Each structure stands twice: as structure tokens, then as C-alpha cells.
Amino acid sequence: MDFFLQMVLSGLSVGAVYSLIALGLNLTFWTTRVLNFGQGSVLMIAAMLTAVMIGAGLPMLLALLISMAVAGTVLIITEIVAIRPLLKVKGSMGWVVSTLGVGIFLQGLASITFGTQAVAFPNVLFSSSASVEIFGAWVSLQYIAVFVISIMIVGLMELFLRYSTWGYGVRAVAHDPDLASLMGIPVRKVVLYSFFFSGLLAGIAGILVSQISGTVDPGFGLHLLILAFITAVVGGMGSASGALIAGLTLGVLEKLIAGYYSPAAAQIVAFALLVVVLTVRPQGLLGKKEMVKV
């Protein structure tokens, strides 16, 4: 029972981070109908910068703020350079290749700048040995902190999107950008802000995941991107609540199968969940069917 509880709690922690990254993917999808396949490299850059700057003696808070600001700025540049020009071509899917290209470029840049070897990530939240007893099971405080922070951020973003002026703008642009522009909503600003916030979420997620793993390397973002993409699709593209439910479910299933059966088998859980959900409910758990007028 103790082992089961440990697996569930650690799974909830990892799954909450998946939801955080998926929410960032949703933000850019809502406003541009584009999935940023370079998101994994953005969260890697934030984590790598944090580790290197803290290692160089920079104050921890300043290093975290700089890393998240860089992540947000990188995504704004990505939108301007790699996405917006291709969206002007009707029916073009070139943004798939261009965002992948951005991800590969960032990964290569990190390898040249910081090296290809994994870098030790400092203890930003708690020491890796710090733990607390919950119902007889000893659980790392890092896992608990990551879970709480991730859930709080997802919840705040949901409230922000529902009740803030910018949130109304995002929903209006997602519904009909041309109509939103006619109503006086600054569509370009809404899009750029959505990319910046998506970058912030990616940066926070990268830092939280690295805190759990203890290391960061130039290639670690791709795996997280795939899992976050599956989380977003399973939850329903455009649904923050769906992303949260899907992320937590995926995280727990992965940990349970890895703990009781095999870590290798846990790798196929995400794809199995994706196939099952899309077979039963193609729009995802909480996604809505889109009506196309002709």
C-alpha cells in the first residue's frame, strides 16, 4: 500500500507538469490554430539557463526570472519569424516544419553553448533527500511542491482566461479573429501575449521537471513535448480542464505501470491512452466538436 501511494503521488506530480506544458500548447492553438512543436526545446533552454546561471553564482530568484523571460521572448520571436509569415499562405501547414526547425535550432544552440552532457540541476525547491510521511508512505517534498505549484498555475491561468479582459480577448480571437478585429480587439497583441505566456509556462515546466530529475540536457525536451501534446489531445484541444485531467491520469498510469511492471512498458501508456480516447471520443475528454459552415 505504501509503494502504491508513492507511485500515485509521484504520478500526480509528473502529470501536473504535463498539464502545464499542454496548457501552453493550448494557448497558442487557441489564438492561431498552430501547435508549436518547438515547445520542448523552449522549456529545455529555460531549465539549462537556470542551472548554468545559478552555478555561476547568480542569485536564484534572478536566474529563474531571467530564464522564464527568455523562454517567453523566444516564443514571441518564433511567432514573428516562423509562424506568422506561413499563416499568410492560406491552407499552408508549413508552420509544422518551421516550429520543428526552431526546436532543432535551439537544441543545437544549447549543445554548442553548454555542451551535450547533462548538467546537474540545483535544488530550487527542496533538497532531493527531503521527504514527508503521508499515510505511512514517505514522499519526496520535491514531488509535492511540483504538484502544488503546477496545479496552482493551471488553476490561476484558467481563472485568468475566464474572467480577465485578456482572457475574453483570447476567447474572441479563438472564435473568430476577423470579427474580433472588427469589434476593436487588438488581435496581434492577443496573439503575441498568448505566445509569451506559453513561453512562461514552458519555462516553469522545464524548471519543475528538472528539479525532479536532478539533471538537464539539450535533448530532454522532446520527450516532454510528445507527452504534453498527447495530454492536450486526450484532454481536448482548447480545454484547460481537460488537459489537467488527462495529464494527471497519464502521469499516474505511467508511474504505476513502471513501478509494478516495467519502465519500458510505461513508455507506451501515453500512446495507448491516446488511441483509446480518440477511438471513443475523437474530440478528447472535454473538447467540443467544431461546426464548420459552408
Protein backbone atom coordinates (compact mmCIF):
# COMPACT_ATOMS: atom_id res chain seq x y z
CA MET A 1 0.00 0.00 0.00
CA ASP A 2 2.86 2.39 0.83
CA PHE A 3 4.51 1.72 -2.54
CA PHE A 4 1.19 2.23 -4.35
CA LEU A 5 0.68 5.59 -2.64
CA GLN A 6 4.20 6.68 -3.51
CA MET A 7 3.62 5.83 -7.16
CA VAL A 8 0.28 7.65 -7.25
CA LEU A 9 1.63 10.82 -5.62
CA SER A 10 4.71 10.93 -7.82
CA GLY A 11 2.49 10.28 -10.85
CA LEU A 12 0.23 13.18 -9.92
CA SER A 13 3.28 15.43 -9.66
CA VAL A 14 4.66 14.49 -13.08
CA GLY A 15 1.17 14.56 -14.63
CA ALA A 16 0.58 18.09 -13.34
CA VAL A 17 3.69 19.21 -15.23
CA TYR A 18 2.37 17.53 -18.40
CA SER A 19 -0.81 19.57 -17.94
CA LEU A 20 1.21 22.75 -17.53
CA ILE A 21 3.03 22.22 -20.83
CA ALA A 22 -0.21 21.19 -22.55
CA LEU A 23 -1.85 24.42 -21.37
CA GLY A 24 0.97 26.34 -23.05
CA LEU A 25 0.33 24.43 -26.28
CA ASN A 26 -3.37 25.21 -25.96
CA LEU A 27 -2.73 28.94 -25.58
CA THR A 28 -1.03 29.22 -28.96
CA PHE A 29 -3.52 26.83 -30.55
CA TRP A 30 -6.48 28.92 -29.39
CA THR A 31 -5.22 32.13 -30.98
CA THR A 32 -3.52 30.87 -34.15
CA ARG A 33 -4.69 27.26 -34.69
CA VAL A 34 -1.00 26.37 -34.59
CA LEU A 35 0.76 23.78 -32.43
CA ASN A 36 4.28 24.86 -31.55
CA PHE A 37 6.47 21.77 -31.97
CA GLY A 38 9.46 23.73 -30.69
CA GLN A 39 7.93 24.00 -27.21
CA GLY A 40 10.08 21.17 -25.84
CA SER A 41 13.30 22.99 -26.71
CA VAL A 42 11.98 26.20 -25.13
CA LEU A 43 11.45 24.53 -21.76
CA MET A 44 14.90 22.92 -22.10
CA ILE A 45 16.51 26.32 -22.70
CA ALA A 46 14.83 27.76 -19.59
CA ALA A 47 15.98 24.86 -17.41
CA MET A 48 19.51 24.88 -18.85
CA LEU A 49 19.88 28.64 -18.38
CA THR A 50 18.65 28.36 -14.79
CA ALA A 51 21.16 25.63 -13.95
CA VAL A 52 24.08 27.45 -15.59
CA MET A 53 23.30 30.87 -14.09
CA ILE A 54 22.82 29.53 -10.56
CA GLY A 55 26.03 27.52 -10.98
CA ALA A 56 27.83 30.72 -11.98
CA GLY A 57 26.76 32.38 -8.72
CA LEU A 58 23.73 34.39 -9.85
CA PRO A 59 21.00 34.75 -7.18
CA MET A 60 18.40 32.01 -7.57
CA LEU A 61 15.36 34.27 -7.95
CA LEU A 62 17.08 36.42 -10.57
CA ALA A 63 18.17 33.33 -12.51
CA LEU A 64 14.59 31.99 -12.50
CA LEU A 65 13.12 35.30 -13.67
CA ILE A 66 15.68 35.69 -16.47
CA SER A 67 15.13 32.12 -17.67
CA MET A 68 11.35 32.49 -17.81
CA ALA A 69 11.63 35.88 -19.54
CA VAL A 70 13.96 34.36 -22.14
CA ALA A 71 11.51 31.49 -22.73
CA GLY A 72 8.64 33.93 -23.29
CA THR A 73 10.75 36.12 -25.60
CA VAL A 74 11.89 33.10 -27.64
CA LEU A 75 8.28 32.18 -28.33
CA ILE A 76 7.41 35.73 -29.40
CA ILE A 77 10.32 35.61 -31.87
CA THR A 78 9.14 32.17 -33.01
CA GLU A 79 5.68 33.56 -33.77
CA ILE A 80 7.09 36.51 -35.71
CA VAL A 81 9.72 34.60 -37.68
CA ALA A 82 8.49 31.02 -38.05
CA ILE A 83 4.69 31.14 -37.81
CA ARG A 84 3.14 34.44 -38.88
CA PRO A 85 4.68 34.53 -42.40
CA LEU A 86 3.42 31.00 -43.11
CA LEU A 87 -0.10 31.71 -41.83
CA LYS A 88 -0.45 34.31 -44.59
CA VAL A 89 -0.44 31.44 -47.08
CA LYS A 90 -3.95 30.01 -46.98
CA GLY A 91 -4.09 26.32 -46.21
CA SER A 92 -0.36 26.13 -45.54
CA MET A 93 0.91 23.67 -42.93
CA GLY A 94 4.45 24.97 -43.21
CA TRP A 95 4.39 26.00 -39.55
CA VAL A 96 4.77 22.31 -38.62
CA VAL A 97 8.20 22.22 -40.26
CA SER A 98 9.18 25.74 -39.18
CA THR A 99 8.39 25.19 -35.49
CA LEU A 100 10.20 21.85 -35.58
CA GLY A 101 13.10 23.73 -37.15
CA VAL A 102 13.08 26.24 -34.30
CA GLY A 103 13.20 23.37 -31.80
CA ILE A 104 16.13 21.73 -33.58
CA PHE A 105 17.93 25.07 -33.79
CA LEU A 106 17.52 25.71 -30.05
CA GLN A 107 18.69 22.20 -29.24
CA GLY A 108 21.78 22.67 -31.40
CA LEU A 109 22.44 26.09 -29.90
CA ALA A 110 22.25 24.64 -26.38
CA SER A 111 24.63 21.83 -27.34
CA ILE A 112 27.19 24.28 -28.75
CA THR A 113 26.87 26.71 -25.83
CA PHE A 114 26.55 24.38 -22.84
CA GLY A 115 27.81 21.06 -24.21
CA THR A 116 25.98 17.81 -24.93
CA GLN A 117 26.41 16.31 -21.46
CA ALA A 118 23.71 16.52 -18.78
CA VAL A 119 24.09 19.43 -16.35
CA ALA A 120 23.26 18.98 -12.66
CA PHE A 121 20.19 20.98 -11.71
CA PRO A 122 20.37 22.82 -8.35
CA ASN A 123 17.84 22.36 -5.55
CA VAL A 124 15.48 25.24 -6.24
CA LEU A 125 12.59 23.97 -4.09
CA PHE A 126 13.79 21.35 -1.60
CA SER A 127 16.71 19.01 -1.20
CA SER A 128 16.31 15.70 -3.05
CA SER A 129 16.58 13.90 0.31
CA ALA A 130 13.79 15.90 1.97
CA SER A 131 10.62 13.83 2.38
CA VAL A 132 7.41 13.71 4.37
CA GLU A 133 5.26 10.81 5.58
CA ILE A 134 1.74 10.61 4.14
CA PHE A 135 -0.47 7.73 5.33
CA GLY A 136 2.62 5.67 6.09
CA ALA A 137 4.37 6.35 2.77
CA TRP A 138 7.45 8.56 2.51
CA VAL A 139 7.08 11.03 -0.35
CA SER A 140 9.69 13.49 -1.61
CA LEU A 141 8.90 17.12 -0.83
CA GLN A 142 10.06 17.98 -4.33
CA TYR A 143 7.21 15.94 -5.83
CA ILE A 144 4.67 17.58 -3.53
CA ALA A 145 5.97 21.09 -4.27
CA VAL A 146 5.97 20.48 -8.03
CA PHE A 147 2.40 19.15 -7.89
CA VAL A 148 1.10 22.07 -5.80
CA ILE A 149 2.84 24.72 -7.93
CA SER A 150 1.67 23.17 -11.21
CA ILE A 151 -1.95 22.85 -10.07
CA MET A 152 -1.96 26.42 -8.75
CA ILE A 153 -0.62 27.80 -12.04
CA VAL A 154 -3.09 25.81 -14.15
CA GLY A 155 -5.94 26.96 -11.89
CA LEU A 156 -4.85 30.62 -11.99
CA MET A 157 -4.49 30.51 -15.77
CA GLU A 158 -7.99 29.03 -16.07
CA LEU A 159 -9.42 31.85 -13.92
CA PHE A 160 -7.38 34.42 -15.83
CA LEU A 161 -8.70 33.14 -19.16
CA ARG A 162 -12.29 33.07 -17.94
CA TYR A 163 -12.55 36.38 -16.11
CA SER A 164 -9.79 38.78 -17.26
CA THR A 165 -10.02 41.22 -20.16
CA TRP A 166 -7.14 39.44 -21.89
CA GLY A 167 -8.92 36.12 -21.38
CA TYR A 168 -12.01 37.48 -23.12
CA GLY A 169 -9.75 38.64 -25.94
CA VAL A 170 -8.19 35.18 -26.28
CA ARG A 171 -11.60 33.53 -26.48
CA ALA A 172 -12.84 36.10 -29.00
CA VAL A 173 -9.79 35.61 -31.23
CA ALA A 174 -10.13 31.84 -30.91
CA HIS A 175 -13.77 32.04 -32.03
CA ASP A 176 -13.31 34.43 -34.98
CA PRO A 177 -10.20 36.64 -35.34
CA ASP A 178 -11.72 38.75 -38.12
CA LEU A 179 -14.85 39.51 -36.11
CA ALA A 180 -12.72 40.19 -33.02
CA SER A 181 -10.70 42.72 -35.01
CA LEU A 182 -13.86 44.46 -36.21
CA MET A 183 -15.01 44.71 -32.58
CA GLY A 184 -11.83 46.59 -31.68
CA ILE A 185 -9.90 43.76 -30.07
CA PRO A 186 -6.14 44.08 -30.77
CA VAL A 187 -5.71 40.64 -32.32
CA ARG A 188 -1.94 40.95 -32.85
CA LYS A 189 -1.37 41.87 -29.20
CA VAL A 190 -3.56 38.99 -28.01
CA VAL A 191 -1.61 36.55 -30.18
CA LEU A 192 1.79 37.83 -29.03
CA TYR A 193 0.74 37.77 -25.37
CA SER A 194 -0.52 34.21 -25.78
CA PHE A 195 2.87 33.15 -27.13
CA PHE A 196 4.69 34.98 -24.34
CA PHE A 197 2.57 33.32 -21.64
CA SER A 198 3.01 29.98 -23.40
CA GLY A 199 6.76 30.52 -23.13
CA LEU A 200 6.46 31.37 -19.44
CA LEU A 201 4.52 28.15 -18.82
CA ALA A 202 7.12 26.16 -20.76
CA GLY A 203 9.91 27.76 -18.74
CA ILE A 204 8.24 26.98 -15.42
CA ALA A 205 7.52 23.40 -16.53
CA GLY A 206 11.13 22.87 -17.60
CA ILE A 207 12.42 24.11 -14.26
CA LEU A 208 9.97 21.93 -12.30
CA VAL A 209 10.76 18.77 -14.29
CA SER A 210 14.50 19.36 -13.94
CA GLN A 211 14.04 19.79 -10.21
CA ILE A 212 12.56 16.28 -10.06
CA SER A 213 15.06 14.63 -12.40
CA GLY A 214 18.08 16.45 -10.96
CA THR A 215 19.68 17.00 -14.37
CA VAL A 216 19.00 18.75 -17.67
CA ASP A 217 20.50 18.13 -21.12
CA PRO A 218 19.84 19.58 -24.60
CA GLY A 219 17.70 16.63 -25.67
CA PHE A 220 15.34 16.22 -22.73
CA GLY A 221 12.57 18.49 -24.02
CA LEU A 222 11.42 16.36 -26.95
CA HIS A 223 10.03 13.55 -24.80
CA LEU A 224 8.12 16.04 -22.66
CA LEU A 225 6.72 17.74 -25.76
CA ILE A 226 5.32 14.45 -27.06
CA LEU A 227 3.68 13.65 -23.72
CA ALA A 228 2.27 17.18 -23.42
CA PHE A 229 0.90 17.01 -26.96
CA ILE A 230 -0.83 13.71 -26.16
CA THR A 231 -2.16 15.27 -22.95
CA ALA A 232 -3.61 18.23 -24.86
CA VAL A 233 -5.25 15.98 -27.49
CA VAL A 234 -6.63 13.50 -24.96
CA GLY A 235 -8.00 16.30 -22.78
CA GLY A 236 -9.46 18.07 -25.80
CA MET A 237 -7.65 20.83 -27.69
CA GLY A 238 -8.73 24.13 -26.21
CA SER A 239 -9.78 22.73 -22.82
CA ALA A 240 -7.59 23.62 -19.82
CA SER A 241 -9.66 21.39 -17.52
CA GLY A 242 -9.36 18.51 -19.97
CA ALA A 243 -5.59 18.97 -20.14
CA LEU A 244 -5.40 18.82 -16.35
CA ILE A 245 -7.46 15.63 -16.10
CA ALA A 246 -5.57 13.97 -18.95
CA GLY A 247 -2.16 14.98 -17.56
CA LEU A 248 -2.87 13.64 -14.07
CA THR A 249 -4.31 10.41 -15.48
CA LEU A 250 -1.33 9.88 -17.76
CA GLY A 251 1.20 10.62 -15.01
CA VAL A 252 -0.37 8.17 -12.56
CA LEU A 253 -0.73 5.39 -15.16
CA GLU A 254 2.91 5.80 -16.21
CA LYS A 255 4.22 5.58 -12.65
CA LEU A 256 2.02 2.61 -11.70
CA ILE A 257 2.99 0.57 -14.75
CA ALA A 258 6.67 1.49 -14.37
CA GLY A 259 6.59 0.57 -10.67
CA TYR A 260 4.61 -2.67 -10.84
CA TYR A 261 5.56 -3.97 -14.25
CA SER A 262 8.34 -2.35 -16.30
CA PRO A 263 9.69 1.17 -17.02
CA ALA A 264 9.88 0.19 -20.70
CA ALA A 265 6.16 -0.67 -20.73
CA ALA A 266 5.35 2.73 -19.25
CA GLN A 267 6.61 4.34 -22.48
CA ILE A 268 3.63 3.02 -24.45
CA VAL A 269 0.99 4.13 -21.93
CA ALA A 270 0.62 7.60 -23.46
CA PHE A 271 0.05 6.28 -26.98
CA ALA A 272 -2.36 3.60 -25.77
CA LEU A 273 -4.37 6.23 -23.88
CA LEU A 274 -4.39 8.45 -26.97
CA VAL A 275 -5.71 5.67 -29.22
CA VAL A 276 -8.41 4.61 -26.73
CA VAL A 277 -9.71 8.13 -26.07
CA LEU A 278 -9.71 9.19 -29.73
CA THR A 279 -11.50 5.99 -30.72
CA VAL A 280 -14.26 6.56 -28.17
CA ARG A 281 -14.34 10.35 -28.22
CA PRO A 282 -12.42 11.92 -31.15
CA GLN A 283 -12.66 15.48 -29.78
CA GLY A 284 -10.99 14.47 -26.50
CA LEU A 285 -12.36 14.16 -22.98
CA LEU A 286 -13.67 17.73 -22.60
CA GLY A 287 -13.20 19.01 -26.13
CA LYS A 288 -16.08 20.33 -28.21
CA LYS A 289 -16.98 19.31 -31.71
CA GLU A 290 -16.25 22.10 -34.19
CA MET A 291 -19.01 23.16 -36.55
CA VAL A 292 -17.83 24.19 -39.99
CA LYS A 293 -20.10 26.49 -42.00
CA VAL A 294 -20.10 26.01 -45.76
